[in-house]
PDB file of N, CA and C in Angstrom:
ATOM      1  N   MET A   1      25.466 -40.777 -31.352  1.00  0.00           N
ATOM      2  CA  MET A   1      26.124 -39.432 -31.321  1.00  0.00           C
ATOM      3  C   MET A   1      27.002 -39.645 -31.026  1.00  0.00           C
ATOM      4  N   ILE A   2      28.268 -38.676 -31.444  1.00  0.00           N
ATOM      5  CA  ILE A   2      29.717 -38.582 -31.252  1.00  0.00           C
ATOM      6  C   ILE A   2      30.078 -37.497 -30.215  1.00  0.00           C
ATOM      7  N   ILE A   3      30.933 -37.734 -29.335  1.00  0.00           N
ATOM      8  CA  ILE A   3      31.293 -36.548 -28.305  1.00  0.00           C
ATOM      9  C   ILE A   3      32.444 -36.583 -28.476  1.00  0.00           C
ATOM     10  N   VAL A   4      33.347 -35.309 -28.427  1.00  0.00           N
ATOM     11  CA  VAL A   4      34.423 -35.077 -28.519  1.00  0.00           C
ATOM     12  C   VAL A   4      34.688 -33.955 -27.121  1.00  0.00           C
ATOM     13  N   TYR A   5      35.689 -34.452 -26.590  1.00  0.00           N
ATOM     14  CA  TYR A   5      36.064 -33.596 -25.449  1.00  0.00           C
ATOM     15  C   TYR A   5      37.254 -33.762 -25.353  1.00  0.00           C
ATOM     16  N   GLY A   6      38.017 -32.310 -25.172  1.00  0.00           N
ATOM     17  CA  GLY A   6      39.472 -32.277 -25.145  1.00  0.00           C
ATOM     18  C   GLY A   6      39.774 -30.924 -24.511  1.00  0.00           C
ATOM     19  N   THR A   7      41.184 -30.979 -24.107  1.00  0.00           N
ATOM     20  CA  THR A   7      41.807 -29.768 -23.420  1.00  0.00           C
ATOM     21  C   THR A   7      43.141 -29.369 -24.360  1.00  0.00           C
ATOM     22  N   ILE A   8      43.524 -28.399 -24.272  1.00  0.00           N
ATOM     23  CA  ILE A   8      44.841 -27.936 -24.785  1.00  0.00           C
ATOM     24  C   ILE A   8      45.371 -26.904 -23.707  1.00  0.00           C
ATOM     25  N   GLU A   9      46.287 -27.214 -23.494  1.00  0.00           N
ATOM     26  CA  GLU A   9      47.456 -26.717 -22.222  1.00  0.00           C
ATOM     27  C   GLU A   9      48.037 -25.674 -23.243  1.00  0.00           C
ATOM     28  N   THR A  10      48.428 -24.316 -22.625  1.00  0.00           N
ATOM     29  CA  THR A  10      48.735 -23.247 -23.687  1.00  0.00           C
ATOM     30  C   THR A  10      49.080 -22.218 -22.449  1.00  0.00           C
ATOM     31  N   SER A  11      49.320 -21.167 -23.255  1.00  0.00           N
ATOM     32  CA  SER A  11      49.983 -19.888 -22.722  1.00  0.00           C
ATOM     33  C   SER A  11      48.420 -19.041 -22.423  1.00  0.00           C
ATOM     34  N   ALA A  12      48.430 -18.345 -22.095  1.00  0.00           N
ATOM     35  CA  ALA A  12      47.174 -17.293 -21.786  1.00  0.00           C
ATOM     36  C   ALA A  12      47.440 -16.272 -23.189  1.00  0.00           C
ATOM     37  N   ASP A  13      48.734 -15.898 -23.323  1.00  0.00           N
ATOM     38  CA  ASP A  13      49.370 -14.972 -24.419  1.00  0.00           C
ATOM     39  C   ASP A  13      48.664 -15.779 -25.721  1.00  0.00           C
ATOM     40  N   SER A  14      48.630 -17.016 -25.653  1.00  0.00           N
ATOM     41  CA  SER A  14      48.673 -17.853 -27.225  1.00  0.00           C
ATOM     42  C   SER A  14      46.944 -18.088 -27.316  1.00  0.00           C
ATOM     43  N   ILE A  15      46.203 -18.006 -26.074  1.00  0.00           N
ATOM     44  CA  ILE A  15      45.069 -18.426 -26.390  1.00  0.00           C
ATOM     45  C   ILE A  15      44.514 -16.763 -26.803  1.00  0.00           C
ATOM     46  N   SER A  16      44.917 -15.578 -26.393  1.00  0.00           N
ATOM     47  CA  SER A  16      44.527 -14.158 -27.091  1.00  0.00           C
ATOM     48  C   SER A  16      45.039 -14.422 -28.218  1.00  0.00           C
ATOM     49  N   ALA A  17      45.963 -14.668 -28.687  1.00  0.00           N
ATOM     50  CA  ALA A  17      46.383 -15.049 -30.123  1.00  0.00           C
ATOM     51  C   ALA A  17      45.610 -15.721 -31.329  1.00  0.00           C
ATOM     52  N   LEU A  18      44.785 -16.554 -30.369  1.00  0.00           N
ATOM     53  CA  LEU A  18      43.980 -17.360 -30.806  1.00  0.00           C
ATOM     54  C   LEU A  18      42.970 -17.073 -31.046  1.00  0.00           C
ATOM     55  N   THR A  19      42.574 -16.058 -30.297  1.00  0.00           N
ATOM     56  CA  THR A  19      40.793 -15.866 -30.365  1.00  0.00           C
ATOM     57  C   THR A  19      39.973 -15.514 -31.374  1.00  0.00           C
ATOM     58  N   ASP A  20      40.620 -14.570 -32.341  1.00  0.00           N
ATOM     59  CA  ASP A  20      39.999 -14.760 -34.065  1.00  0.00           C
ATOM     60  C   ASP A  20      39.679 -16.329 -34.388  1.00  0.00           C
ATOM     61  N   ALA A  21      40.830 -16.872 -34.507  1.00  0.00           N
ATOM     62  CA  ALA A  21      40.823 -18.153 -35.402  1.00  0.00           C
ATOM     63  C   ALA A  21      39.863 -19.130 -34.731  1.00  0.00           C
ATOM     64  N   ILE A  22      39.936 -19.140 -33.278  1.00  0.00           N
ATOM     65  CA  ILE A  22      38.782 -20.171 -32.504  1.00  0.00           C
ATOM     66  C   ILE A  22      37.439 -20.027 -32.801  1.00  0.00           C
ATOM     67  N   THR A  23      37.403 -18.323 -32.727  1.00  0.00           N
ATOM     68  CA  THR A  23      35.996 -17.770 -32.944  1.00  0.00           C
ATOM     69  C   THR A  23      35.445 -18.343 -34.828  1.00  0.00           C
ATOM     70  N   ALA A  24      36.492 -17.879 -35.424  1.00  0.00           N
ATOM     71  CA  ALA A  24      36.331 -18.358 -36.974  1.00  0.00           C
ATOM     72  C   ALA A  24      35.730 -19.632 -37.097  1.00  0.00           C
ATOM     73  N   LEU A  25      36.446 -20.547 -36.380  1.00  0.00           N
ATOM     74  CA  LEU A  25      36.269 -22.246 -36.451  1.00  0.00           C
ATOM     75  C   LEU A  25      35.015 -22.434 -36.039  1.00  0.00           C
ATOM     76  N   GLU A  26      34.922 -21.968 -34.635  1.00  0.00           N
ATOM     77  CA  GLU A  26      33.567 -22.180 -34.136  1.00  0.00           C
ATOM     78  C   GLU A  26      32.621 -21.520 -35.173  1.00  0.00           C
ATOM     79  N   GLN A  27      32.436 -20.797 -35.551  1.00  0.00           N
ATOM     80  CA  GLN A  27      31.312 -20.132 -36.187  1.00  0.00           C
ATOM     81  C   GLN A  27      31.112 -21.158 -37.725  1.00  0.00           C
ATOM     82  N   ALA A  28      32.094 -21.527 -38.018  1.00  0.00           N
ATOM     83  CA  ALA A  28      32.086 -21.997 -39.667  1.00  0.00           C
ATOM     84  C   ALA A  28      31.777 -23.593 -39.106  1.00  0.00           C
ATOM     85  N   THR A  29      32.152 -24.176 -37.824  1.00  0.00           N
ATOM     86  CA  THR A  29      31.765 -25.464 -37.587  1.00  0.00           C
ATOM     87  C   THR A  29      30.276 -25.565 -37.376  1.00  0.00           C
ATOM     88  N   ARG A  30      30.010 -24.834 -36.840  1.00  0.00           N
ATOM     89  CA  ARG A  30      28.429 -24.973 -36.245  1.00  0.00           C
ATOM     90  C   ARG A  30      27.567 -24.579 -37.394  1.00  0.00           C
ATOM     91  N   ALA A  31      28.015 -24.383 -38.238  1.00  0.00           N
ATOM     92  CA  ALA A  31      26.866 -24.363 -39.346  1.00  0.00           C
ATOM     93  C   ALA A  31      27.214 -25.535 -40.718  1.00  0.00           C
ATOM     94  N   GLU A  32      28.224 -26.646 -40.423  1.00  0.00           N
ATOM     95  CA  GLU A  32      28.264 -27.807 -40.860  1.00  0.00           C
ATOM     96  C   GLU A  32      26.824 -28.583 -40.666  1.00  0.00           C
ATOM     97  N   GLU A  33      26.810 -29.445 -41.564  1.00  0.00           N
ATOM     98  CA  GLU A  33      25.901 -30.498 -41.637  1.00  0.00           C
ATOM     99  C   GLU A  33      26.200 -31.584 -40.707  1.00  0.00           C
ATOM    100  N   GLY A  34      25.452 -32.169 -39.010  1.00  0.00           N
ATOM    101  CA  GLY A  34      25.645 -33.059 -38.761  1.00  0.00           C
ATOM    102  C   GLY A  34      26.184 -32.488 -37.135  1.00  0.00           C
ATOM    103  N   CYS A  35      26.710 -31.218 -37.110  1.00  0.00           N
ATOM    104  CA  CYS A  35      27.118 -30.764 -35.867  1.00  0.00           C
ATOM    105  C   CYS A  35      26.076 -30.295 -34.949  1.00  0.00           C
ATOM    106  N   ILE A  36      26.032 -30.684 -33.981  1.00  0.00           N
ATOM    107  CA  ILE A  36      24.957 -30.525 -32.514  1.00  0.00           C
ATOM    108  C   ILE A  36      25.458 -29.083 -31.559  1.00  0.00           C
ATOM    109  N   ASP A  37      27.020 -29.061 -31.649  1.00  0.00           N
ATOM    110  CA  ASP A  37      27.666 -28.281 -30.848  1.00  0.00           C
ATOM    111  C   ASP A  37      28.978 -28.432 -31.088  1.00  0.00           C
ATOM    112  N   TYR A  38      29.445 -27.304 -31.017  1.00  0.00           N
ATOM    113  CA  TYR A  38      30.924 -27.133 -31.252  1.00  0.00           C
ATOM    114  C   TYR A  38      31.416 -25.879 -30.216  1.00  0.00           C
ATOM    115  N   THR A  39      32.237 -26.170 -29.259  1.00  0.00           N
ATOM    116  CA  THR A  39      32.682 -24.941 -28.538  1.00  0.00           C
ATOM    117  C   THR A  39      33.967 -24.864 -27.415  1.00  0.00           C
ATOM    118  N   PHE A  40      34.497 -24.216 -27.954  1.00  0.00           N
ATOM    119  CA  PHE A  40      35.657 -23.875 -26.974  1.00  0.00           C
ATOM    120  C   PHE A  40      35.577 -22.641 -26.198  1.00  0.00           C
ATOM    121  N   SER A  41      36.025 -23.056 -24.495  1.00  0.00           N
ATOM    122  CA  SER A  41      36.530 -22.491 -23.743  1.00  0.00           C
ATOM    123  C   SER A  41      37.406 -22.343 -22.701  1.00  0.00           C
ATOM    124  N   VAL A  42      37.606 -21.154 -22.312  1.00  0.00           N
ATOM    125  CA  VAL A  42      38.612 -21.161 -21.449  1.00  0.00           C
ATOM    126  C   VAL A  42      38.317 -21.443 -19.724  1.00  0.00           C
ATOM    127  N   ALA A  43      39.016 -22.293 -18.947  1.00  0.00           N
ATOM    128  CA  ALA A  43      38.599 -22.714 -17.808  1.00  0.00           C
ATOM    129  C   ALA A  43      38.873 -21.641 -16.852  1.00  0.00           C
ATOM    130  N   LEU A  44      37.911 -21.232 -15.972  1.00  0.00           N
ATOM    131  CA  LEU A  44      37.694 -20.265 -14.997  1.00  0.00           C
ATOM    132  C   LEU A  44      39.114 -20.411 -13.903  1.00  0.00           C
ATOM    133  N   SER A  45      39.040 -21.749 -13.784  1.00  0.00           N
ATOM    134  CA  SER A  45      40.091 -22.001 -12.410  1.00  0.00           C
ATOM    135  C   SER A  45      41.719 -22.198 -13.004  1.00  0.00           C
ATOM    136  N   ASP A  46      41.622 -22.226 -14.659  1.00  0.00           N
ATOM    137  CA  ASP A  46      42.849 -22.253 -14.970  1.00  0.00           C
ATOM    138  C   ASP A  46      43.086 -21.658 -16.448  1.00  0.00           C
ATOM    139  N   PRO A  47      43.410 -20.015 -16.241  1.00  0.00           N
ATOM    140  CA  PRO A  47      43.328 -19.679 -17.834  1.00  0.00           C
ATOM    141  C   PRO A  47      44.392 -19.469 -18.637  1.00  0.00           C
ATOM    142  N   GLU A  48      44.926 -20.875 -18.916  1.00  0.00           N
ATOM    143  CA  GLU A  48      46.080 -21.422 -19.477  1.00  0.00           C
ATOM    144  C   GLU A  48      45.291 -22.899 -20.142  1.00  0.00           C
ATOM    145  N   CYS A  49      44.194 -23.616 -19.675  1.00  0.00           N
ATOM    146  CA  CYS A  49      43.618 -24.210 -20.191  1.00  0.00           C
ATOM    147  C   CYS A  49      42.346 -24.007 -20.921  1.00  0.00           C
ATOM    148  N   VAL A  50      42.512 -24.387 -22.464  1.00  0.00           N
ATOM    149  CA  VAL A  50      41.116 -24.335 -23.056  1.00  0.00           C
ATOM    150  C   VAL A  50      40.458 -25.443 -23.360  1.00  0.00           C
ATOM    151  N   ARG A  51      39.145 -25.899 -23.254  1.00  0.00           N
ATOM    152  CA  ARG A  51      38.602 -26.865 -23.229  1.00  0.00           C
ATOM    153  C   ARG A  51      37.491 -27.160 -24.192  1.00  0.00           C
ATOM    154  N   ILE A  52      37.548 -28.282 -24.969  1.00  0.00           N
ATOM    155  CA  ILE A  52      36.838 -28.434 -26.122  1.00  0.00           C
ATOM    156  C   ILE A  52      35.791 -28.847 -25.843  1.00  0.00           C
ATOM    157  N   SER A  53      34.320 -28.674 -26.555  1.00  0.00           N
ATOM    158  CA  SER A  53      33.238 -29.764 -26.329  1.00  0.00           C
ATOM    159  C   SER A  53      32.610 -29.577 -27.535  1.00  0.00           C
ATOM    160  N   GLU A  54      32.269 -30.981 -28.193  1.00  0.00           N
ATOM    161  CA  GLU A  54      31.669 -31.025 -29.379  1.00  0.00           C
ATOM    162  C   GLU A  54      31.176 -32.519 -29.310  1.00  0.00           C
ATOM    163  N   LYS A  55      29.569 -32.237 -30.035  1.00  0.00           N
ATOM    164  CA  LYS A  55      28.516 -33.082 -30.279  1.00  0.00           C
ATOM    165  C   LYS A  55      28.386 -33.114 -31.738  1.00  0.00           C
ATOM    166  N   TRP A  56      28.216 -34.625 -32.173  1.00  0.00           N
ATOM    167  CA  TRP A  56      28.527 -34.837 -33.961  1.00  0.00           C
ATOM    168  C   TRP A  56      26.972 -35.479 -34.491  1.00  0.00           C
ATOM    169  N   GLU A  57      26.473 -35.768 -35.094  1.00  0.00           N
ATOM    170  CA  GLU A  57      25.133 -36.853 -35.423  1.00  0.00           C
ATOM    171  C   GLU A  57      25.779 -37.930 -35.632  1.00  0.00           C
ATOM    172  N   SER A  58      27.137 -37.791 -36.383  1.00  0.00           N
ATOM    173  CA  SER A  58      27.587 -39.333 -36.595  1.00  0.00           C
ATOM    174  C   SER A  58      28.895 -39.001 -36.915  1.00  0.00           C
ATOM    175  N   MET A  59      29.652 -40.435 -36.961  1.00  0.00           N
ATOM    176  CA  MET A  59      31.176 -39.915 -37.138  1.00  0.00           C
ATOM    177  C   MET A  59      31.695 -39.634 -38.447  1.00  0.00           C
ATOM    178  N   ASP A  60      30.675 -39.954 -39.398  1.00  0.00           N
ATOM    179  CA  ASP A  60      30.930 -39.501 -41.233  1.00  0.00           C
ATOM    180  C   ASP A  60      30.575 -38.119 -40.849  1.00  0.00           C
ATOM    181  N   ALA A  61      29.694 -37.178 -40.013  1.00  0.00           N
ATOM    182  CA  ALA A  61      29.886 -35.757 -39.851  1.00  0.00           C
ATOM    183  C   ALA A  61      31.257 -35.211 -39.481  1.00  0.00           C
ATOM    184  N   LEU A  62      31.838 -36.032 -38.273  1.00  0.00           N
ATOM    185  CA  LEU A  62      32.710 -35.730 -37.824  1.00  0.00           C
ATOM    186  C   LEU A  62      34.201 -35.574 -38.943  1.00  0.00           C
ATOM    187  N   LYS A  63      34.135 -37.086 -39.380  1.00  0.00           N
ATOM    188  CA  LYS A  63      35.108 -37.015 -40.246  1.00  0.00           C
ATOM    189  C   LYS A  63      35.122 -35.982 -41.617  1.00  0.00           C
ATOM    190  N   ALA A  64      34.039 -35.454 -41.999  1.00  0.00           N
ATOM    191  CA  ALA A  64      34.035 -34.523 -42.811  1.00  0.00           C
ATOM    192  C   ALA A  64      34.473 -33.052 -42.375  1.00  0.00           C
ATOM    193  N   HIS A  65      33.830 -32.894 -40.921  1.00  0.00           N
ATOM    194  CA  HIS A  65      34.529 -31.919 -40.421  1.00  0.00           C
ATOM    195  C   HIS A  65      35.993 -31.752 -40.230  1.00  0.00           C
ATOM    196  N   MET A  66      36.592 -32.665 -40.042  1.00  0.00           N
ATOM    197  CA  MET A  66      37.941 -32.672 -40.119  1.00  0.00           C
ATOM    198  C   MET A  66      38.909 -32.300 -41.633  1.00  0.00           C
ATOM    199  N   ALA A  67      37.999 -32.448 -42.570  1.00  0.00           N
ATOM    200  CA  ALA A  67      38.340 -32.189 -43.854  1.00  0.00           C
ATOM    201  C   ALA A  67      38.059 -30.828 -44.156  1.00  0.00           C
ATOM    202  N   MET A  68      37.689 -30.162 -43.619  1.00  0.00           N
ATOM    203  CA  MET A  68      37.020 -28.777 -44.072  1.00  0.00           C
ATOM    204  C   MET A  68      38.165 -27.389 -44.046  1.00  0.00           C
ATOM    205  N   PRO A  69      38.467 -27.075 -44.815  1.00  0.00           N
ATOM    206  CA  PRO A  69      39.262 -25.713 -45.036  1.00  0.00           C
ATOM    207  C   PRO A  69      38.957 -24.982 -43.628  1.00  0.00           C
ATOM    208  N   HIS A  70      38.244 -24.829 -43.092  1.00  0.00           N
ATOM    209  CA  HIS A  70      38.504 -24.095 -42.003  1.00  0.00           C
ATOM    210  C   HIS A  70      39.392 -24.592 -40.563  1.00  0.00           C
ATOM    211  N   MET A  71      39.155 -26.171 -40.609  1.00  0.00           N
ATOM    212  CA  MET A  71      40.129 -26.808 -39.851  1.00  0.00           C
ATOM    213  C   MET A  71      41.389 -26.670 -39.894  1.00  0.00           C
ATOM    214  N   ALA A  72      41.912 -26.822 -41.562  1.00  0.00           N
ATOM    215  CA  ALA A  72      42.981 -26.972 -41.941  1.00  0.00           C
ATOM    216  C   ALA A  72      43.705 -25.352 -41.375  1.00  0.00           C
ATOM    217  N   GLU A  73      42.840 -24.208 -41.632  1.00  0.00           N
ATOM    218  CA  GLU A  73      43.459 -22.852 -41.418  1.00  0.00           C
ATOM    219  C   GLU A  73      43.365 -22.855 -39.623  1.00  0.00           C
ATOM    220  N   PHE A  74      42.477 -23.191 -38.602  1.00  0.00           N
ATOM    221  CA  PHE A  74      42.801 -23.109 -37.437  1.00  0.00           C
ATOM    222  C   PHE A  74      44.166 -24.146 -36.935  1.00  0.00           C
ATOM    223  N   GLN A  75      44.559 -25.437 -37.581  1.00  0.00           N
ATOM    224  CA  GLN A  75      45.679 -25.997 -37.446  1.00  0.00           C
ATOM    225  C   GLN A  75      46.851 -25.167 -37.739  1.00  0.00           C
ATOM    226  N   GLN A  76      47.129 -24.432 -38.963  1.00  0.00           N
ATOM    227  CA  GLN A  76      47.887 -23.514 -39.150  1.00  0.00           C
ATOM    228  C   GLN A  76      48.124 -22.463 -38.112  1.00  0.00           C
ATOM    229  N   ALA A  77      46.788 -21.599 -37.604  1.00  0.00           N
ATOM    230  CA  ALA A  77      47.277 -21.111 -36.774  1.00  0.00           C
ATOM    231  C   ALA A  77      47.747 -21.537 -35.427  1.00  0.00           C
ATOM    232  N   MET A  78      47.487 -22.657 -34.672  1.00  0.00           N
ATOM    233  CA  MET A  78      47.854 -23.401 -33.812  1.00  0.00           C
ATOM    234  C   MET A  78      49.341 -23.775 -33.956  1.00  0.00           C
ATOM    235  N   GLY A  79      49.810 -24.061 -35.092  1.00  0.00           N
ATOM    236  CA  GLY A  79      50.876 -24.155 -35.374  1.00  0.00           C
ATOM    237  C   GLY A  79      52.047 -22.855 -35.118  1.00  0.00           C
ATOM    238  N   ALA A  80      51.110 -22.045 -35.019  1.00  0.00           N
ATOM    239  CA  ALA A  80      52.326 -20.321 -35.163  1.00  0.00           C
ATOM    240  C   ALA A  80      52.089 -20.347 -33.410  1.00  0.00           C
ATOM    241  N   HIS A  81      51.014 -21.167 -32.738  1.00  0.00           N
ATOM    242  CA  HIS A  81      51.442 -20.895 -31.077  1.00  0.00           C
ATOM    243  C   HIS A  81      51.515 -22.352 -30.323  1.00  0.00           C
ATOM    244  N   PRO A  82      52.018 -23.036 -30.612  1.00  0.00           N
ATOM    245  CA  PRO A  82      52.278 -24.586 -30.379  1.00  0.00           C
ATOM    246  C   PRO A  82      51.540 -24.582 -29.133  1.00  0.00           C
ATOM    247  N   PRO A  83      50.680 -25.618 -28.907  1.00  0.00           N
ATOM    248  CA  PRO A  83      50.377 -25.626 -27.206  1.00  0.00           C
ATOM    249  C   PRO A  83      51.437 -26.539 -26.669  1.00  0.00           C
ATOM    250  N   ARG A  84      51.374 -26.357 -25.340  1.00  0.00           N
ATOM    251  CA  ARG A  84      52.366 -27.402 -24.355  1.00  0.00           C
ATOM    252  C   ARG A  84      51.386 -28.898 -24.340  1.00  0.00           C
ATOM    253  N   ALA A  85      50.301 -29.128 -24.554  1.00  0.00           N
ATOM    254  CA  ALA A  85      50.023 -30.442 -24.447  1.00  0.00           C
ATOM    255  C   ALA A  85      48.244 -30.479 -25.359  1.00  0.00           C
ATOM    256  N   VAL A  86      48.131 -31.497 -26.140  1.00  0.00           N
ATOM    257  CA  VAL A  86      46.649 -31.438 -26.349  1.00  0.00           C
ATOM    258  C   VAL A  86      46.275 -32.771 -25.979  1.00  0.00           C
ATOM    259  N   ASP A  87      45.112 -33.114 -25.449  1.00  0.00           N
ATOM    260  CA  ASP A  87      44.616 -33.912 -25.134  1.00  0.00           C
ATOM    261  C   ASP A  87      42.936 -33.942 -25.742  1.00  0.00           C
ATOM    262  N   ILE A  88      42.473 -34.705 -26.779  1.00  0.00           N
ATOM    263  CA  ILE A  88      41.364 -35.184 -27.057  1.00  0.00           C
ATOM    264  C   ILE A  88      40.698 -36.512 -26.871  1.00  0.00           C
ATOM    265  N   LYS A  89      39.740 -36.947 -26.789  1.00  0.00           N
ATOM    266  CA  LYS A  89      39.235 -37.911 -26.874  1.00  0.00           C
ATOM    267  C   LYS A  89      37.705 -37.968 -27.331  1.00  0.00           C
ATOM    268  N   PHE A  90      37.216 -39.255 -27.919  1.00  0.00           N
ATOM    269  CA  PHE A  90      35.865 -39.311 -28.792  1.00  0.00           C
ATOM    270  C   PHE A  90      35.322 -40.525 -28.142  1.00  0.00           C
ATOM    271  N   TYR A  91      34.096 -40.094 -28.022  1.00  0.00           N
ATOM    272  CA  TYR A  91      33.008 -41.200 -27.252  1.00  0.00           C
ATOM    273  C   TYR A  91      31.733 -41.187 -28.178  1.00  0.00           C
ATOM    274  N   GLN A  92      31.654 -42.082 -28.663  1.00  0.00           N
ATOM    275  CA  GLN A  92      30.116 -42.736 -28.858  1.00  0.00           C
ATOM    276  C   GLN A  92      28.868 -42.719 -28.022  1.00  0.00           C
ATOM    277  N   ALA A  93      28.170 -42.210 -28.173  1.00  0.00           N
ATOM    278  CA  ALA A  93      27.592 -41.886 -27.036  1.00  0.00           C
ATOM    279  C   ALA A  93      25.840 -42.275 -27.344  1.00  0.00           C
ATOM    280  N   GLU A  94      24.904 -42.570 -26.418  1.00  0.00           N
ATOM    281  CA  GLU A  94      23.364 -42.543 -26.623  1.00  0.00           C
ATOM    282  C   GLU A  94      22.850 -41.377 -25.430  1.00  0.00           C
ATOM    283  N   GLU A  95      22.040 -40.559 -26.113  1.00  0.00           N
ATOM    284  CA  GLU A  95      21.389 -39.577 -25.134  1.00  0.00           C
ATOM    285  C   GLU A  95      20.427 -40.484 -24.079  1.00  0.00           C
ATOM    286  N   ILE A  96      20.122 -40.230 -22.990  1.00  0.00           N
ATOM    287  CA  ILE A  96      19.291 -40.874 -21.751  1.00  0.00           C
ATOM    288  C   ILE A  96      18.347 -39.504 -21.265  1.00  0.00           C
ATOM    289  N   SER A  97      17.418 -40.073 -20.901  1.00  0.00           N
ATOM    290  CA  SER A  97      16.540 -39.069 -20.068  1.00  0.00           C
ATOM    291  C   SER A  97      16.250 -39.752 -18.863  1.00  0.00           C
ATOM    292  N   LEU A  98      16.711 -39.035 -17.798  1.00  0.00           N
ATOM    293  CA  LEU A  98      16.560 -39.246 -16.090  1.00  0.00           C
ATOM    294  C   LEU A  98      15.063 -39.074 -15.712  1.00  0.00           C
ATOM    295  N   SER A  99      13.890 -38.676 -16.609  1.00  0.00           N
ATOM    296  CA  SER A  99      12.744 -38.320 -15.821  1.00  0.00           C
ATOM    297  C   SER A  99      11.840 -39.960 -16.127  1.00  0.00           C
TER     298      SER A  99
END
């Protein structure tokens, strides 16, 4: 499984302006083959921080996602509201059980 975790530092106004683009991206991405989870959220303790959490079945699924038209549309929307900082990390993970 591939885990993607990221943060976007931006303004509350930019987050508000990007809400429709984020919603469209989430809905389209969740329908993609290989997507287990795809969620953007605003940190409760920092309304200028968007957290990104993704789970993918494989690196191939993630690569296919990056080439999707809805990703390009989101990138264009982000370009109109540039963030102060973006930090995204990719991890290969294996699910374990604690029981």
